[in-house]
N, C-alpha and C. Protein backbone atom coordinates (compact mmCIF):
# COMPACT_ATOMS: atom_id res chain seq x y z
N MET A 1 -10.74 10.97 7.00
CA MET A 1 -10.02 10.30 8.07
C MET A 1 -10.17 11.10 9.34
N SER A 2 -10.19 10.41 10.41
CA SER A 2 -10.30 11.11 11.68
C SER A 2 -9.15 10.72 12.58
N THR A 3 -8.84 11.61 13.48
CA THR A 3 -7.80 11.32 14.46
C THR A 3 -8.47 10.79 15.70
N PRO A 4 -8.01 9.68 16.26
CA PRO A 4 -8.66 9.10 17.42
C PRO A 4 -8.46 9.93 18.67
N ALA A 5 -9.42 9.81 19.59
CA ALA A 5 -9.29 10.51 20.86
C ALA A 5 -8.20 9.88 21.71
N GLY A 6 -8.09 8.56 21.64
CA GLY A 6 -7.07 7.85 22.43
C GLY A 6 -6.07 7.20 21.52
N ASP A 7 -5.65 5.99 21.90
CA ASP A 7 -4.65 5.29 21.10
C ASP A 7 -5.27 4.39 20.05
N GLY A 8 -6.62 4.47 19.87
CA GLY A 8 -7.28 3.66 18.86
C GLY A 8 -7.48 2.23 19.31
N GLY A 9 -7.28 1.96 20.59
CA GLY A 9 -7.45 0.60 21.08
C GLY A 9 -6.13 -0.13 21.09
N ALA A 10 -5.99 -1.02 22.01
CA ALA A 10 -4.74 -1.77 22.11
C ALA A 10 -4.70 -2.85 21.05
N VAL A 11 -3.54 -3.04 20.49
CA VAL A 11 -3.33 -4.14 19.55
C VAL A 11 -2.32 -5.08 20.17
N ALA A 12 -2.37 -6.33 19.79
CA ALA A 12 -1.50 -7.30 20.44
C ALA A 12 -0.67 -8.05 19.43
N GLY A 13 0.43 -8.64 19.90
CA GLY A 13 1.26 -9.50 19.07
C GLY A 13 1.81 -8.82 17.84
N PRO A 14 1.58 -9.43 16.66
CA PRO A 14 2.16 -8.89 15.44
C PRO A 14 1.65 -7.49 15.11
N LEU A 15 0.45 -7.15 15.55
CA LEU A 15 -0.05 -5.81 15.27
C LEU A 15 0.69 -4.75 16.08
N THR A 16 1.10 -5.10 17.28
CA THR A 16 1.92 -4.18 18.08
C THR A 16 3.25 -3.94 17.37
N ALA A 17 3.88 -5.02 16.89
CA ALA A 17 5.14 -4.90 16.16
C ALA A 17 4.94 -4.11 14.86
N ALA A 18 3.81 -4.34 14.19
CA ALA A 18 3.53 -3.61 12.94
C ALA A 18 3.38 -2.12 13.20
N GLU A 19 2.63 -1.77 14.24
CA GLU A 19 2.46 -0.35 14.53
C GLU A 19 3.78 0.29 14.94
N ARG A 20 4.59 -0.44 15.70
CA ARG A 20 5.93 0.06 16.06
C ARG A 20 6.76 0.30 14.81
N ALA A 21 6.70 -0.65 13.86
CA ALA A 21 7.47 -0.52 12.61
C ALA A 21 7.02 0.71 11.83
N LEU A 22 5.73 0.91 11.75
CA LEU A 22 5.20 2.08 11.02
C LEU A 22 5.62 3.38 11.68
N ARG A 23 5.51 3.44 13.00
CA ARG A 23 5.91 4.67 13.71
C ARG A 23 7.41 4.91 13.61
N ALA A 24 8.21 3.84 13.66
CA ALA A 24 9.66 4.00 13.54
C ALA A 24 10.03 4.50 12.15
N ALA A 25 9.33 4.03 11.14
CA ALA A 25 9.64 4.41 9.76
C ALA A 25 9.11 5.79 9.40
N TYR A 26 7.91 6.14 9.89
CA TYR A 26 7.23 7.33 9.38
C TYR A 26 6.81 8.34 10.44
N GLY A 27 7.05 8.07 11.72
CA GLY A 27 6.65 9.00 12.77
C GLY A 27 5.24 8.71 13.26
N GLU A 28 4.64 9.72 13.86
CA GLU A 28 3.29 9.56 14.39
C GLU A 28 2.27 9.74 13.27
N PRO A 29 1.25 8.88 13.22
CA PRO A 29 0.22 9.08 12.21
C PRO A 29 -0.59 10.33 12.50
N GLY A 30 -0.93 11.06 11.43
CA GLY A 30 -1.75 12.25 11.59
C GLY A 30 -3.22 11.91 11.68
N ALA A 31 -3.59 10.75 11.14
CA ALA A 31 -4.99 10.33 11.15
C ALA A 31 -5.04 8.83 10.95
N ARG A 32 -6.17 8.24 11.30
CA ARG A 32 -6.38 6.82 11.09
C ARG A 32 -7.86 6.56 10.91
N ALA A 33 -8.16 5.58 10.11
CA ALA A 33 -9.54 5.16 9.88
C ALA A 33 -9.58 3.65 9.98
N SER A 34 -10.75 3.11 10.30
CA SER A 34 -10.85 1.67 10.39
C SER A 34 -12.00 1.17 9.55
N VAL A 35 -11.82 -0.01 8.98
CA VAL A 35 -12.81 -0.64 8.12
C VAL A 35 -13.01 -2.06 8.61
N MET A 36 -14.27 -2.47 8.71
CA MET A 36 -14.59 -3.84 9.13
C MET A 36 -15.13 -4.61 7.93
N PHE A 37 -14.75 -5.88 7.82
CA PHE A 37 -15.23 -6.77 6.78
C PHE A 37 -15.80 -8.01 7.43
N VAL A 38 -16.86 -8.57 6.86
CA VAL A 38 -17.43 -9.81 7.37
C VAL A 38 -16.39 -10.91 7.24
N GLY A 39 -16.17 -11.63 8.31
CA GLY A 39 -15.22 -12.73 8.30
C GLY A 39 -13.77 -12.32 8.43
N ALA A 40 -13.51 -11.07 8.80
CA ALA A 40 -12.13 -10.61 8.91
C ALA A 40 -12.00 -9.69 10.12
N GLU A 41 -10.78 -9.61 10.60
CA GLU A 41 -10.48 -8.67 11.67
C GLU A 41 -10.51 -7.24 11.13
N ARG A 42 -10.63 -6.29 12.00
CA ARG A 42 -10.63 -4.87 11.62
C ARG A 42 -9.30 -4.52 10.94
N ILE A 43 -9.39 -3.74 9.89
CA ILE A 43 -8.21 -3.21 9.21
C ILE A 43 -8.22 -1.71 9.40
N GLU A 44 -7.11 -1.18 9.88
CA GLU A 44 -6.97 0.27 9.99
C GLU A 44 -6.06 0.76 8.88
N VAL A 45 -6.29 2.00 8.46
CA VAL A 45 -5.39 2.66 7.52
C VAL A 45 -4.92 3.93 8.21
N LEU A 46 -3.61 4.05 8.38
CA LEU A 46 -3.01 5.21 9.03
C LEU A 46 -2.43 6.13 7.96
N ARG A 47 -2.56 7.42 8.18
CA ARG A 47 -2.00 8.39 7.23
C ARG A 47 -0.86 9.13 7.92
N PHE A 48 0.28 9.15 7.23
CA PHE A 48 1.48 9.81 7.74
C PHE A 48 1.87 10.91 6.76
N ALA A 49 2.04 12.13 7.26
CA ALA A 49 2.58 13.21 6.43
C ALA A 49 4.09 13.06 6.47
N GLY A 50 4.70 13.03 5.30
CA GLY A 50 6.13 12.78 5.26
C GLY A 50 6.93 13.96 4.78
N ASP A 51 8.24 13.76 4.75
CA ASP A 51 9.15 14.77 4.24
C ASP A 51 8.97 14.90 2.74
N GLY A 52 9.31 16.07 2.22
CA GLY A 52 9.28 16.27 0.78
C GLY A 52 7.89 16.29 0.18
N GLY A 53 6.87 16.61 0.96
CA GLY A 53 5.53 16.69 0.43
C GLY A 53 4.90 15.35 0.12
N LEU A 54 5.34 14.30 0.80
CA LEU A 54 4.77 12.97 0.57
C LEU A 54 3.75 12.64 1.66
N VAL A 55 2.78 11.84 1.30
CA VAL A 55 1.84 11.29 2.27
C VAL A 55 1.90 9.78 2.12
N ARG A 56 1.89 9.10 3.25
CA ARG A 56 1.91 7.64 3.24
C ARG A 56 0.64 7.12 3.89
N TYR A 57 0.05 6.14 3.22
CA TYR A 57 -1.11 5.44 3.76
C TYR A 57 -0.64 4.03 4.07
N ALA A 58 -0.77 3.61 5.32
CA ALA A 58 -0.28 2.31 5.74
C ALA A 58 -1.39 1.52 6.41
N THR A 59 -1.46 0.24 6.08
CA THR A 59 -2.47 -0.61 6.72
C THR A 59 -1.96 -1.07 8.07
N LEU A 60 -2.90 -1.41 8.92
CA LEU A 60 -2.59 -2.03 10.21
C LEU A 60 -3.68 -3.06 10.45
N GLY A 61 -3.31 -4.32 10.38
CA GLY A 61 -4.26 -5.41 10.58
C GLY A 61 -3.93 -6.62 9.73
N MET A 62 -3.27 -6.41 8.60
CA MET A 62 -2.91 -7.53 7.74
C MET A 62 -1.91 -8.45 8.45
N ALA A 63 -1.07 -7.90 9.31
CA ALA A 63 -0.04 -8.67 10.01
C ALA A 63 -0.65 -9.70 10.96
N ALA A 64 -1.94 -9.56 11.28
CA ALA A 64 -2.59 -10.54 12.15
C ALA A 64 -2.69 -11.91 11.49
N GLU A 65 -2.63 -11.95 10.16
CA GLU A 65 -2.66 -13.20 9.39
C GLU A 65 -1.34 -13.32 8.65
N PRO A 66 -0.27 -13.80 9.28
CA PRO A 66 1.05 -13.83 8.64
C PRO A 66 1.05 -14.63 7.34
N SER A 67 1.82 -14.13 6.39
CA SER A 67 2.01 -14.81 5.11
C SER A 67 3.20 -15.74 5.22
N ALA A 68 3.56 -16.37 4.11
CA ALA A 68 4.71 -17.27 4.11
C ALA A 68 5.99 -16.54 4.48
N ARG A 69 6.05 -15.24 4.17
CA ARG A 69 7.25 -14.45 4.49
C ARG A 69 7.14 -13.79 5.86
N GLY A 70 6.08 -14.08 6.60
CA GLY A 70 5.89 -13.49 7.91
C GLY A 70 4.88 -12.37 7.88
N PRO A 71 4.64 -11.74 9.04
CA PRO A 71 3.65 -10.67 9.10
C PRO A 71 4.06 -9.48 8.24
N ALA A 72 3.08 -8.87 7.58
CA ALA A 72 3.36 -7.75 6.68
C ALA A 72 2.21 -6.75 6.71
N GLU A 73 2.54 -5.53 6.40
CA GLU A 73 1.56 -4.46 6.20
C GLU A 73 1.89 -3.77 4.88
N LEU A 74 0.95 -3.01 4.37
CA LEU A 74 1.09 -2.33 3.08
C LEU A 74 1.29 -0.84 3.27
N VAL A 75 2.09 -0.23 2.40
CA VAL A 75 2.35 1.21 2.45
C VAL A 75 2.24 1.78 1.04
N LEU A 76 1.37 2.75 0.88
CA LEU A 76 1.21 3.47 -0.38
C LEU A 76 1.76 4.87 -0.17
N THR A 77 2.73 5.28 -0.98
CA THR A 77 3.37 6.59 -0.85
C THR A 77 3.01 7.43 -2.07
N LEU A 78 2.47 8.64 -1.81
CA LEU A 78 2.04 9.54 -2.88
C LEU A 78 2.47 10.96 -2.57
N ARG A 79 2.60 11.75 -3.63
CA ARG A 79 2.85 13.18 -3.43
C ARG A 79 1.56 13.83 -2.98
N ALA A 80 1.65 14.60 -1.93
CA ALA A 80 0.47 15.23 -1.33
C ALA A 80 0.01 16.42 -2.16
N GLY A 81 -1.29 16.69 -2.08
CA GLY A 81 -1.86 17.91 -2.64
C GLY A 81 -2.14 17.91 -4.12
N ARG A 82 -1.87 16.82 -4.82
CA ARG A 82 -2.09 16.79 -6.27
C ARG A 82 -3.42 16.14 -6.64
N ALA A 83 -4.01 15.38 -5.74
CA ALA A 83 -5.28 14.70 -5.98
C ALA A 83 -5.92 14.37 -4.64
N ALA A 84 -7.20 14.05 -4.66
CA ALA A 84 -7.94 13.72 -3.44
C ALA A 84 -7.69 12.26 -3.08
N THR A 85 -6.47 11.98 -2.64
CA THR A 85 -6.02 10.60 -2.43
C THR A 85 -6.56 9.95 -1.16
N ASP A 86 -7.20 10.71 -0.27
CA ASP A 86 -7.75 10.07 0.93
C ASP A 86 -8.84 9.06 0.57
N GLY A 87 -9.33 9.11 -0.67
CA GLY A 87 -10.30 8.12 -1.12
C GLY A 87 -9.72 6.73 -1.26
N VAL A 88 -8.41 6.59 -1.06
CA VAL A 88 -7.74 5.28 -1.18
C VAL A 88 -7.96 4.40 0.06
N LEU A 89 -8.54 4.94 1.10
CA LEU A 89 -8.65 4.20 2.37
C LEU A 89 -9.36 2.86 2.21
N ARG A 90 -10.55 2.87 1.63
CA ARG A 90 -11.29 1.62 1.50
C ARG A 90 -10.60 0.64 0.55
N PRO A 91 -10.19 1.04 -0.68
CA PRO A 91 -9.50 0.08 -1.54
C PRO A 91 -8.24 -0.52 -0.88
N LEU A 92 -7.50 0.29 -0.14
CA LEU A 92 -6.29 -0.23 0.53
C LEU A 92 -6.68 -1.20 1.64
N ALA A 93 -7.73 -0.90 2.38
CA ALA A 93 -8.21 -1.81 3.43
C ALA A 93 -8.72 -3.11 2.82
N VAL A 94 -9.42 -3.03 1.68
CA VAL A 94 -9.90 -4.24 1.00
C VAL A 94 -8.72 -5.12 0.61
N LEU A 95 -7.68 -4.51 0.07
CA LEU A 95 -6.48 -5.27 -0.31
C LEU A 95 -5.84 -5.92 0.92
N ALA A 96 -5.74 -5.18 2.02
CA ALA A 96 -5.14 -5.73 3.24
C ALA A 96 -5.98 -6.85 3.85
N ALA A 97 -7.29 -6.80 3.64
CA ALA A 97 -8.17 -7.85 4.18
C ALA A 97 -8.23 -9.07 3.28
N SER A 98 -7.76 -8.97 2.05
CA SER A 98 -7.91 -10.07 1.09
C SER A 98 -7.26 -11.40 1.54
N PRO A 99 -6.16 -11.41 2.30
CA PRO A 99 -5.67 -12.71 2.78
C PRO A 99 -6.66 -13.40 3.73
N GLN A 100 -7.33 -12.62 4.58
CA GLN A 100 -8.30 -13.18 5.52
C GLN A 100 -9.60 -13.57 4.83
N VAL A 101 -10.08 -12.69 3.93
CA VAL A 101 -11.40 -12.87 3.33
C VAL A 101 -11.36 -13.84 2.14
N GLU A 102 -10.33 -13.73 1.30
CA GLU A 102 -10.29 -14.51 0.07
C GLU A 102 -9.13 -15.51 0.01
N GLY A 103 -8.25 -15.50 0.99
CA GLY A 103 -7.08 -16.36 0.95
C GLY A 103 -6.04 -15.91 -0.05
N ALA A 104 -6.10 -14.63 -0.47
CA ALA A 104 -5.14 -14.10 -1.44
C ALA A 104 -3.75 -14.02 -0.83
N VAL A 105 -2.75 -14.18 -1.67
CA VAL A 105 -1.36 -14.05 -1.24
C VAL A 105 -0.89 -12.66 -1.63
N VAL A 106 -0.67 -11.81 -0.65
CA VAL A 106 -0.18 -10.45 -0.88
C VAL A 106 1.31 -10.47 -0.60
N ALA A 107 2.09 -10.51 -1.68
CA ALA A 107 3.54 -10.65 -1.57
C ALA A 107 4.20 -9.88 -2.70
N PRO A 108 5.49 -9.57 -2.57
CA PRO A 108 6.18 -8.85 -3.64
C PRO A 108 6.01 -9.55 -4.99
N GLY A 109 5.70 -8.74 -6.01
CA GLY A 109 5.49 -9.26 -7.36
C GLY A 109 4.04 -9.56 -7.68
N ALA A 110 3.19 -9.67 -6.65
CA ALA A 110 1.77 -9.93 -6.89
C ALA A 110 1.09 -8.65 -7.36
N SER A 111 0.09 -8.81 -8.19
CA SER A 111 -0.69 -7.65 -8.62
C SER A 111 -2.16 -7.93 -8.37
N PHE A 112 -2.91 -6.86 -8.18
CA PHE A 112 -4.32 -6.96 -7.87
C PHE A 112 -5.09 -5.92 -8.65
N ASP A 113 -6.16 -6.36 -9.30
CA ASP A 113 -7.07 -5.44 -9.98
C ASP A 113 -8.19 -5.16 -9.00
N LEU A 114 -8.32 -3.92 -8.60
CA LEU A 114 -9.31 -3.56 -7.59
C LEU A 114 -10.68 -3.29 -8.18
N GLY A 115 -10.79 -3.24 -9.49
CA GLY A 115 -12.09 -3.08 -10.13
C GLY A 115 -12.67 -1.69 -10.07
N GLU A 116 -11.95 -0.76 -9.50
CA GLU A 116 -12.38 0.63 -9.40
C GLU A 116 -11.14 1.49 -9.20
N PRO A 117 -11.27 2.80 -9.46
CA PRO A 117 -10.11 3.67 -9.23
C PRO A 117 -9.67 3.62 -7.76
N LEU A 118 -8.36 3.76 -7.55
CA LEU A 118 -7.84 3.74 -6.18
C LEU A 118 -8.41 4.87 -5.32
N TRP A 119 -8.71 5.98 -5.94
CA TRP A 119 -9.40 7.11 -5.30
C TRP A 119 -10.19 7.77 -6.41
N PRO A 120 -11.14 8.66 -6.10
CA PRO A 120 -11.95 9.26 -7.16
C PRO A 120 -11.09 9.89 -8.25
N GLU A 121 -11.39 9.53 -9.49
CA GLU A 121 -10.73 10.05 -10.69
C GLU A 121 -9.27 9.62 -10.82
N ALA A 122 -8.84 8.64 -10.06
CA ALA A 122 -7.47 8.13 -10.18
C ALA A 122 -7.31 7.40 -11.52
N PRO A 123 -6.14 7.51 -12.15
CA PRO A 123 -5.89 6.76 -13.38
C PRO A 123 -5.49 5.31 -13.12
N PHE A 124 -5.57 4.86 -11.87
CA PHE A 124 -5.10 3.53 -11.47
C PHE A 124 -6.24 2.69 -10.92
N THR A 125 -6.38 1.46 -11.43
CA THR A 125 -7.35 0.51 -10.88
C THR A 125 -6.67 -0.76 -10.41
N SER A 126 -5.37 -0.84 -10.59
CA SER A 126 -4.58 -2.02 -10.19
C SER A 126 -3.37 -1.58 -9.39
N VAL A 127 -2.80 -2.52 -8.65
CA VAL A 127 -1.58 -2.24 -7.91
C VAL A 127 -0.62 -3.41 -8.04
N LEU A 128 0.64 -3.10 -7.92
CA LEU A 128 1.71 -4.10 -7.85
C LEU A 128 2.30 -4.01 -6.44
N ILE A 129 2.52 -5.15 -5.82
CA ILE A 129 3.16 -5.17 -4.50
C ILE A 129 4.66 -5.19 -4.74
N GLY A 130 5.36 -4.20 -4.20
CA GLY A 130 6.80 -4.07 -4.40
C GLY A 130 7.61 -4.84 -3.37
N GLU A 131 8.89 -4.86 -3.62
CA GLU A 131 9.83 -5.47 -2.68
C GLU A 131 10.03 -4.52 -1.50
N PRO A 132 10.31 -5.04 -0.30
CA PRO A 132 10.50 -4.18 0.86
C PRO A 132 11.60 -3.14 0.68
N ASP A 133 12.57 -3.39 -0.21
CA ASP A 133 13.65 -2.42 -0.39
C ASP A 133 13.47 -1.58 -1.66
N ALA A 134 12.25 -1.58 -2.23
CA ALA A 134 12.00 -0.85 -3.47
C ALA A 134 12.32 0.63 -3.29
N ALA A 135 13.10 1.18 -4.21
CA ALA A 135 13.49 2.59 -4.15
C ALA A 135 12.29 3.52 -4.30
N ALA A 136 11.23 3.03 -4.94
CA ALA A 136 10.06 3.88 -5.18
C ALA A 136 9.33 4.22 -3.90
N ALA A 137 9.40 3.40 -2.89
CA ALA A 137 8.70 3.65 -1.64
C ALA A 137 9.51 3.05 -0.51
N PRO A 138 10.47 3.80 0.04
CA PRO A 138 11.32 3.25 1.08
C PRO A 138 10.49 2.69 2.24
N VAL A 139 10.89 1.54 2.74
CA VAL A 139 10.16 0.90 3.82
C VAL A 139 11.14 0.38 4.85
N GLY A 140 10.62 0.07 6.01
CA GLY A 140 11.46 -0.49 7.06
C GLY A 140 10.79 -1.72 7.65
N ALA A 141 11.43 -2.34 8.58
CA ALA A 141 10.84 -3.50 9.24
C ALA A 141 11.23 -3.47 10.70
N ASP A 142 10.36 -4.01 11.54
CA ASP A 142 10.64 -4.06 12.97
C ASP A 142 10.01 -5.33 13.50
N GLY A 143 10.76 -6.08 14.26
CA GLY A 143 10.20 -7.29 14.84
C GLY A 143 9.76 -8.28 13.79
N GLY A 144 10.40 -8.25 12.62
CA GLY A 144 10.05 -9.19 11.57
C GLY A 144 8.84 -8.79 10.75
N VAL A 145 8.27 -7.63 10.96
CA VAL A 145 7.11 -7.18 10.20
C VAL A 145 7.59 -6.47 8.94
N LEU A 146 7.21 -7.00 7.77
CA LEU A 146 7.57 -6.37 6.50
C LEU A 146 6.59 -5.25 6.17
N LEU A 147 7.11 -4.15 5.68
CA LEU A 147 6.28 -3.06 5.19
C LEU A 147 6.43 -3.06 3.68
N LEU A 148 5.40 -3.52 2.99
CA LEU A 148 5.45 -3.72 1.55
C LEU A 148 4.87 -2.52 0.81
N PRO A 149 5.62 -1.97 -0.16
CA PRO A 149 5.10 -0.85 -0.93
C PRO A 149 4.00 -1.29 -1.89
N VAL A 150 3.00 -0.46 -2.01
CA VAL A 150 1.90 -0.64 -2.96
C VAL A 150 2.17 0.34 -4.09
N LEU A 151 2.32 -0.17 -5.32
CA LEU A 151 2.67 0.65 -6.47
C LEU A 151 1.48 0.70 -7.43
N PRO A 152 0.84 1.86 -7.59
CA PRO A 152 -0.32 1.95 -8.48
C PRO A 152 0.06 1.68 -9.93
N MET A 153 -0.85 0.98 -10.64
CA MET A 153 -0.65 0.68 -12.06
C MET A 153 -1.86 1.13 -12.86
N THR A 154 -1.60 1.66 -14.05
CA THR A 154 -2.68 1.94 -14.99
C THR A 154 -3.14 0.60 -15.58
N ALA A 155 -4.28 0.62 -16.29
CA ALA A 155 -4.78 -0.61 -16.93
C ALA A 155 -3.75 -1.14 -17.93
N ALA A 156 -3.12 -0.25 -18.70
CA ALA A 156 -2.13 -0.68 -19.69
C ALA A 156 -0.91 -1.30 -19.00
N GLU A 157 -0.46 -0.71 -17.91
CA GLU A 157 0.68 -1.27 -17.17
C GLU A 157 0.33 -2.63 -16.58
N ALA A 158 -0.89 -2.78 -16.07
CA ALA A 158 -1.32 -4.05 -15.49
C ALA A 158 -1.33 -5.15 -16.56
N ALA A 159 -1.82 -4.81 -17.76
CA ALA A 159 -1.84 -5.78 -18.85
C ALA A 159 -0.41 -6.14 -19.26
N TRP A 160 0.47 -5.15 -19.31
CA TRP A 160 1.87 -5.37 -19.68
C TRP A 160 2.55 -6.25 -18.64
N LYS A 161 2.25 -6.00 -17.37
CA LYS A 161 2.82 -6.80 -16.28
C LYS A 161 2.36 -8.25 -16.39
N ARG A 162 1.08 -8.47 -16.71
CA ARG A 162 0.58 -9.85 -16.86
C ARG A 162 1.31 -10.58 -17.99
N ALA A 163 1.62 -9.85 -19.05
CA ALA A 163 2.28 -10.46 -20.21
C ALA A 163 3.78 -10.67 -20.00
N ARG A 164 4.44 -9.74 -19.30
CA ARG A 164 5.90 -9.76 -19.22
C ARG A 164 6.47 -9.97 -17.82
N GLY A 165 5.65 -9.77 -16.80
CA GLY A 165 6.12 -10.00 -15.44
C GLY A 165 6.41 -8.71 -14.68
N ALA A 166 6.42 -8.84 -13.35
CA ALA A 166 6.63 -7.70 -12.46
C ALA A 166 8.00 -7.08 -12.64
N GLN A 167 9.04 -7.92 -12.76
CA GLN A 167 10.40 -7.39 -12.89
C GLN A 167 10.53 -6.55 -14.15
N ALA A 168 9.93 -6.99 -15.25
CA ALA A 168 10.01 -6.23 -16.51
C ALA A 168 9.32 -4.88 -16.38
N LEU A 169 8.19 -4.84 -15.67
CA LEU A 169 7.50 -3.56 -15.48
C LEU A 169 8.32 -2.65 -14.58
N ARG A 170 8.86 -3.19 -13.49
CA ARG A 170 9.69 -2.36 -12.61
C ARG A 170 10.89 -1.81 -13.37
N GLU A 171 11.50 -2.61 -14.22
CA GLU A 171 12.65 -2.15 -15.02
C GLU A 171 12.23 -1.05 -15.98
N ARG A 172 11.06 -1.18 -16.57
CA ARG A 172 10.55 -0.16 -17.49
C ARG A 172 10.33 1.15 -16.73
N TRP A 173 9.73 1.06 -15.55
CA TRP A 173 9.55 2.26 -14.73
C TRP A 173 10.89 2.91 -14.44
N ARG A 174 11.88 2.10 -14.06
CA ARG A 174 13.21 2.65 -13.76
C ARG A 174 13.83 3.31 -14.99
N ARG A 175 13.77 2.62 -16.11
CA ARG A 175 14.38 3.13 -17.35
C ARG A 175 13.78 4.47 -17.78
N HIS A 176 12.50 4.67 -17.53
CA HIS A 176 11.84 5.91 -17.94
C HIS A 176 11.75 6.94 -16.81
N GLY A 177 12.35 6.64 -15.67
CA GLY A 177 12.33 7.58 -14.55
C GLY A 177 10.93 7.88 -14.05
N THR A 178 10.07 6.89 -14.04
CA THR A 178 8.67 7.07 -13.64
C THR A 178 8.58 7.41 -12.16
N ASP A 179 7.87 8.49 -11.88
CA ASP A 179 7.64 8.89 -10.49
C ASP A 179 6.40 8.16 -9.98
N LEU A 180 6.60 7.06 -9.29
CA LEU A 180 5.49 6.24 -8.82
C LEU A 180 4.72 6.89 -7.68
N THR A 181 5.22 8.01 -7.16
CA THR A 181 4.48 8.72 -6.11
C THR A 181 3.54 9.77 -6.70
N ASP A 182 3.58 10.00 -8.01
CA ASP A 182 2.74 11.02 -8.64
C ASP A 182 1.33 10.46 -8.83
N PRO A 183 0.34 10.99 -8.11
CA PRO A 183 -1.01 10.45 -8.22
C PRO A 183 -1.70 10.78 -9.54
N LEU A 184 -1.08 11.62 -10.36
CA LEU A 184 -1.66 11.99 -11.66
C LEU A 184 -0.85 11.48 -12.84
N ARG A 185 0.15 10.66 -12.58
CA ARG A 185 1.04 10.23 -13.67
C ARG A 185 0.30 9.43 -14.73
N ARG A 186 0.88 9.42 -15.91
CA ARG A 186 0.36 8.60 -17.01
C ARG A 186 1.12 7.28 -17.03
N ALA A 187 0.61 6.37 -17.85
CA ALA A 187 1.29 5.08 -17.99
C ALA A 187 2.68 5.29 -18.57
N VAL A 188 3.62 4.47 -18.13
CA VAL A 188 4.96 4.49 -18.69
C VAL A 188 4.86 4.07 -20.15
N PRO A 189 5.69 4.63 -21.05
CA PRO A 189 5.67 4.17 -22.45
C PRO A 189 5.97 2.66 -22.50
N LEU A 190 5.08 1.92 -23.17
CA LEU A 190 5.20 0.47 -23.20
C LEU A 190 5.60 -0.08 -24.55
N ALA A 191 5.65 0.77 -25.57
CA ALA A 191 6.07 0.31 -26.89
C ALA A 191 7.56 0.07 -26.89
N GLU A 192 7.99 -0.97 -27.60
CA GLU A 192 9.42 -1.28 -27.64
C GLU A 192 10.17 -0.29 -28.50
């Protein structure tokens, strides 16, 4: 990731509100990268160093194509220094571009199989989109822009979620005290 020389270019409308929401929630980004896709607007991924040794990766660009619940951006929160998580930039940008490119609905409860690890050697190839008030990744909103948490899932968790639903998986994570910010965590115990 690189830090821009200037402001990274002016954004307008919902993207201005989205960037304001991200800055209000997490402070100034330490770095930002941009990814272009054919048939889609540019997607940026901003990295914020947070309190308690957390790093947040947030998209900027998905809000340009509002969903049924209004403009939204994605936020992935991880514990810093445990894995080379900056490799998540492209997969996160692909997910944020999916409404424009594929017509995908990125909303709470939806899950996506990315077909590859979220970052090199990550145990996660899928993600669950959390609720804006999910305790696992606190989020805020500004100007109606939702900041949706991205929750990494192992292959076993993704299969369990498909069979039992997002709420059942979130409850299982809660019951077992799963640290969803741990980039090296194992799958939650799924046996009854």
